[in-house]
Protein backbone atom coordinates (compact mmCIF):
# COMPACT_ATOMS: atom_id res chain seq x y z
CA MET A 1 2.15 -20.49 8.72
CA ALA A 2 5.61 -18.92 8.67
CA THR A 3 6.87 -21.80 6.52
CA ASP A 4 3.93 -21.36 4.13
CA LEU A 5 4.65 -17.64 3.79
CA THR A 6 8.32 -18.40 3.14
CA ARG A 7 7.30 -20.78 0.32
CA ILE A 8 5.06 -18.09 -1.17
CA SER A 9 7.94 -15.61 -1.05
CA GLU A 10 10.32 -18.09 -2.67
CA LYS A 11 7.89 -18.79 -5.51
CA ALA A 12 7.27 -15.09 -6.04
CA CYS A 13 11.01 -14.35 -6.19
CA LYS A 14 11.66 -17.25 -8.58
CA ASP A 15 8.92 -16.20 -11.02
CA PRO A 16 7.79 -12.55 -10.87
CA THR A 17 4.92 -13.33 -13.25
CA LEU A 18 3.54 -16.30 -11.29
CA VAL A 19 -0.21 -16.11 -10.59
CA PHE A 20 -1.10 -17.56 -7.16
CA THR A 21 -4.32 -19.56 -7.33
CA SER A 22 -4.50 -21.08 -3.84
CA LEU A 23 -4.13 -18.50 -1.07
CA TYR A 24 -7.48 -18.23 0.66
CA HIS A 25 -6.94 -21.16 3.00
CA HIS A 26 -4.05 -19.30 4.64
CA ILE A 27 -6.43 -16.45 5.52
CA CYS A 28 -9.13 -18.79 6.89
CA ASP A 29 -6.79 -20.90 9.01
CA GLU A 30 -7.87 -20.68 12.65
CA ASP A 31 -4.31 -20.98 13.99
CA ASN A 32 -3.20 -18.13 11.74
CA LEU A 33 -6.14 -15.99 12.86
CA ARG A 34 -5.03 -16.65 16.44
CA ILE A 35 -1.51 -15.44 15.60
CA CYS A 36 -2.98 -12.31 14.04
CA TYR A 37 -5.05 -11.72 17.18
CA GLY A 38 -1.92 -11.95 19.31
CA THR A 39 -0.01 -9.59 17.02
CA LEU A 40 -2.53 -6.77 17.27
CA GLY A 41 -1.91 -4.28 20.05
CA ALA A 42 -4.41 -3.89 22.87
CA ASP A 43 -4.38 -0.12 22.39
CA LYS A 44 -6.01 -0.21 18.95
CA ALA A 45 -8.99 2.14 18.73
CA PRO A 46 -12.31 0.24 18.59
CA GLY A 47 -14.52 0.36 15.53
CA VAL A 48 -18.24 0.90 15.15
CA ASP A 49 -19.12 -2.09 17.36
CA GLY A 50 -16.94 -0.78 20.22
CA VAL A 51 -15.36 -4.19 20.88
CA THR A 52 -11.80 -4.09 22.23
CA LYS A 53 -9.11 -6.77 22.04
CA ARG A 54 -9.72 -7.69 25.67
CA GLU A 55 -13.44 -8.11 25.10
CA TYR A 56 -12.92 -10.15 21.92
CA GLY A 57 -10.44 -12.34 23.80
CA GLU A 58 -12.92 -13.23 26.55
CA ASN A 59 -14.31 -15.88 24.23
CA LEU A 60 -11.31 -16.15 21.95
CA ASP A 61 -11.62 -19.81 20.97
CA GLY A 62 -15.30 -19.47 20.10
CA ASN A 63 -14.84 -16.17 18.29
CA LEU A 64 -11.96 -17.41 16.16
CA ARG A 65 -13.71 -20.70 15.39
CA ASP A 66 -16.77 -18.77 14.23
CA LEU A 67 -14.69 -16.28 12.24
CA SER A 68 -12.78 -19.07 10.49
CA ALA A 69 -16.05 -20.84 9.64
CA ARG A 70 -17.59 -17.68 8.21
CA LEU A 71 -14.50 -17.00 6.11
CA LYS A 72 -14.45 -20.56 4.75
CA ARG A 73 -18.05 -20.40 3.59
CA MET A 74 -17.62 -16.82 2.31
CA GLY A 75 -20.15 -15.68 4.90
CA TYR A 76 -17.84 -13.12 6.49
CA ARG A 77 -18.88 -9.49 5.97
CA PRO A 78 -16.55 -6.68 7.10
CA GLY A 79 -18.26 -4.13 9.33
CA THR A 80 -18.68 -0.46 8.45
CA LYS A 81 -15.61 1.57 9.37
CA ARG A 82 -15.79 4.41 11.87
CA ARG A 83 -14.60 7.81 10.64
CA SER A 84 -12.02 9.45 12.86
CA TYR A 85 -9.63 12.35 12.35
CA ILE A 86 -6.07 12.96 13.47
CA PRO A 87 -4.38 16.37 13.38
CA LYS A 88 -2.71 17.39 10.12
CA ALA A 89 -1.07 20.72 9.36
CA GLY A 90 -3.16 22.86 7.01
CA GLN A 91 -6.36 20.89 7.49
CA GLU A 92 -9.04 22.09 9.90
CA LYS A 93 -10.66 18.66 10.38
CA GLY A 94 -7.38 16.76 10.17
CA ARG A 95 -6.41 13.58 8.34
CA PRO A 96 -9.39 11.23 7.86
CA LEU A 97 -9.05 7.63 9.07
CA GLY A 98 -11.33 4.63 8.72
CA ILE A 99 -11.28 2.59 11.94
CA SER A 100 -12.20 -1.07 11.51
CA ASN A 101 -13.89 -3.32 14.08
CA PHE A 102 -11.37 -5.42 16.01
CA GLU A 103 -12.41 -8.66 14.30
CA ASP A 104 -12.01 -6.98 10.91
CA LYS A 105 -8.49 -5.95 11.92
CA ILE A 106 -7.68 -9.63 12.45
CA VAL A 107 -8.82 -10.46 8.91
CA GLU A 108 -7.03 -7.45 7.43
CA LEU A 109 -3.80 -8.59 9.02
CA ALA A 110 -4.32 -12.17 7.78
CA VAL A 111 -4.78 -10.90 4.20
CA LYS A 112 -1.77 -8.58 4.51
CA GLN A 113 0.51 -11.37 5.79
CA THR A 114 -0.58 -13.62 2.92
CA LEU A 115 -0.16 -11.10 0.10
CA GLU A 116 2.88 -9.17 1.31
CA PRO A 117 5.49 -11.88 0.42
CA ILE A 118 4.19 -11.94 -3.15
CA TYR A 119 4.60 -8.23 -3.71
CA GLU A 120 7.73 -7.65 -1.63
CA ALA A 121 9.47 -9.89 -4.16
CA VAL A 122 8.74 -7.44 -7.01
CA PHE A 123 8.55 -3.99 -5.44
CA GLU A 124 11.35 -1.63 -6.58
CA ASP A 125 14.32 -1.25 -4.25
CA SER A 126 13.79 2.51 -4.46
CA SER A 127 10.27 2.20 -2.98
CA TYR A 128 10.38 2.78 0.78
CA GLY A 129 6.89 3.79 1.91
CA TYR A 130 4.96 1.45 4.25
CA ARG A 131 7.31 -1.48 3.65
CA PRO A 132 8.70 -3.88 6.27
CA GLY A 133 12.25 -3.05 7.23
CA CYS A 134 12.17 0.30 5.41
CA ASN A 135 12.19 3.81 6.86
CA PRO A 136 12.62 7.45 5.78
CA HIS A 137 16.30 7.51 6.84
CA GLN A 138 17.09 4.71 4.38
CA CYS A 139 15.28 6.63 1.66
CA LEU A 140 17.35 9.76 2.38
CA ASP A 141 20.58 7.72 2.39
CA ASP A 142 19.64 6.22 -0.99
CA LEU A 143 18.83 9.66 -2.36
CA GLY A 144 22.17 11.02 -1.11
CA ARG A 145 24.14 8.17 -2.73
CA THR A 146 22.27 8.63 -6.01
CA ILE A 147 23.03 12.35 -6.12
CA GLN A 148 26.72 11.73 -5.36
CA GLN A 149 27.23 8.82 -7.75
CA LYS A 150 25.06 9.79 -10.72
CA LYS A 151 24.50 12.90 -12.81
CA VAL A 152 21.34 14.40 -11.32
CA SER A 153 19.87 17.66 -12.63
CA TYR A 154 16.95 17.99 -10.26
CA VAL A 155 15.07 16.33 -7.41
CA VAL A 156 11.27 16.51 -7.33
CA GLU A 157 9.28 16.49 -4.10
CA ALA A 158 5.61 15.72 -4.65
CA ASP A 159 2.54 14.70 -2.66
CA ILE A 160 -0.52 12.95 -4.07
CA ARG A 161 -3.44 14.79 -2.53
CA SER A 162 -5.91 12.54 -0.67
CA PHE A 163 -4.27 9.51 -2.26
CA PHE A 164 -5.79 6.82 -0.01
CA ASP A 165 -9.27 8.27 -0.46
CA LYS A 166 -8.96 8.55 -4.25
CA VAL A 167 -7.48 5.19 -5.28
CA ASN A 168 -9.49 3.82 -8.21
CA GLN A 169 -10.87 0.56 -6.86
CA GLU A 170 -11.63 -0.90 -10.27
CA TRP A 171 -8.02 -0.49 -11.39
CA LEU A 172 -6.71 -1.72 -8.05
CA VAL A 173 -8.63 -4.97 -8.48
CA LYS A 174 -7.34 -5.32 -12.05
CA PHE A 175 -3.78 -4.88 -10.76
CA LEU A 176 -4.34 -7.46 -8.01
CA ARG A 177 -5.51 -10.02 -10.56
CA HIS A 178 -2.11 -9.89 -12.29
CA ARG A 179 -0.72 -11.95 -9.39
CA ILE A 180 -3.75 -13.16 -7.39
CA GLY A 181 -5.69 -15.89 -9.22
CA ASP A 182 -7.66 -16.97 -6.13
CA GLU A 183 -10.99 -15.26 -6.71
CA ARG A 184 -12.03 -15.75 -3.08
CA VAL A 185 -9.22 -13.43 -2.02
CA ILE A 186 -10.27 -10.84 -4.59
CA ARG A 187 -13.90 -11.01 -3.42
CA LEU A 188 -12.82 -10.59 0.20
CA ILE A 189 -10.75 -7.51 -0.63
CA ILE A 190 -13.64 -6.01 -2.61
CA ARG A 191 -15.91 -6.49 0.39
CA MET A 192 -13.36 -4.69 2.56
CA LEU A 193 -13.13 -1.81 0.12
CA LYS A 194 -16.94 -1.52 -0.11
CA SER A 195 -17.72 -1.78 3.60
CA GLY A 196 -18.69 1.87 4.00
CA ILE A 197 -17.80 4.67 6.45
CA LEU A 198 -19.87 5.81 9.46
CA GLU A 199 -19.57 9.54 10.23
CA ASP A 200 -21.92 11.71 12.26
CA GLY A 201 -24.51 8.93 12.35
CA LEU A 202 -24.60 8.49 8.58
CA VAL A 203 -23.13 5.60 6.56
CA SER A 204 -21.50 6.60 3.28
CA ALA A 205 -20.66 4.22 0.48
CA THR A 206 -16.97 3.71 -0.27
CA ASP A 207 -16.91 3.45 -4.06
CA GLU A 208 -13.38 4.79 -4.33
CA GLY A 209 -10.26 4.74 -2.21
CA THR A 210 -8.82 2.36 0.37
CA PRO A 211 -9.42 3.76 3.87
CA GLN A 212 -6.37 5.22 5.59
CA GLY A 213 -6.26 3.53 8.98
CA SER A 214 -6.91 0.03 7.65
CA ILE A 215 -4.10 -2.47 8.26
CA LEU A 216 -4.31 -3.61 4.64
CA SER A 217 -4.44 -0.16 3.00
CA PRO A 218 -0.67 0.58 2.97
CA LEU A 219 0.02 -2.65 1.08
CA LEU A 220 -2.86 -2.05 -1.37
CA SER A 221 -1.62 1.49 -1.98
CA ASN A 222 1.89 0.22 -2.74
CA ILE A 223 0.49 -2.40 -5.15
CA TYR A 224 -1.49 0.34 -6.92
CA LEU A 225 1.53 2.67 -7.18
CA HIS A 226 3.75 -0.21 -8.31
CA TYR A 227 1.65 -0.66 -11.44
CA VAL A 228 0.89 3.03 -12.00
CA LEU A 229 4.36 4.53 -11.40
CA ASP A 230 7.10 1.91 -11.13
CA LEU A 231 6.47 -0.28 -14.18
């Protein structure tokens, strides 16, 4: 799988306009799903079904075989996400998260690992958020160099309120189709976006946004901002 991802990255770097039409088999691959299972931490909060990594692993071969089969026949349906909150200054309820079932986390990671090489090849060097190998200290260093080396009149600090919850899904899908020509991948991502949120015993539709707390959401948010702000 690592070799396949390297090839994807090389193609994406060579041609920034290339549309990838055969990606879904990487996501369905049972061996890759096993790697994703091993990558996920055992301390991940359980989703609506309450299943932990340890419990899922008790019948790992059977579970992964079944998951791979469902993905291949497009029979996989992501579960509803569980609403949870973490403390955030200035907010009484805190920052809202959408917690996926453990099996859904495996699929989210498989999708992320497949798409990330494509977009890492084209993201701006000045974009640091939620990217592998990037951190806030590097961003500050870059900002400092820019201020010292170029004529800068002002620096703007801004925050997009409730960004993850307000992402326009229709536009996100349009942006994805610029590089992703495998419609099965698009359909899978749409299912993830539309899987709903369970809070206080009620399931709400998720017609906008990409749930904060999902493994895939940081990458999707960067793809969205790449087309909205960086181009």
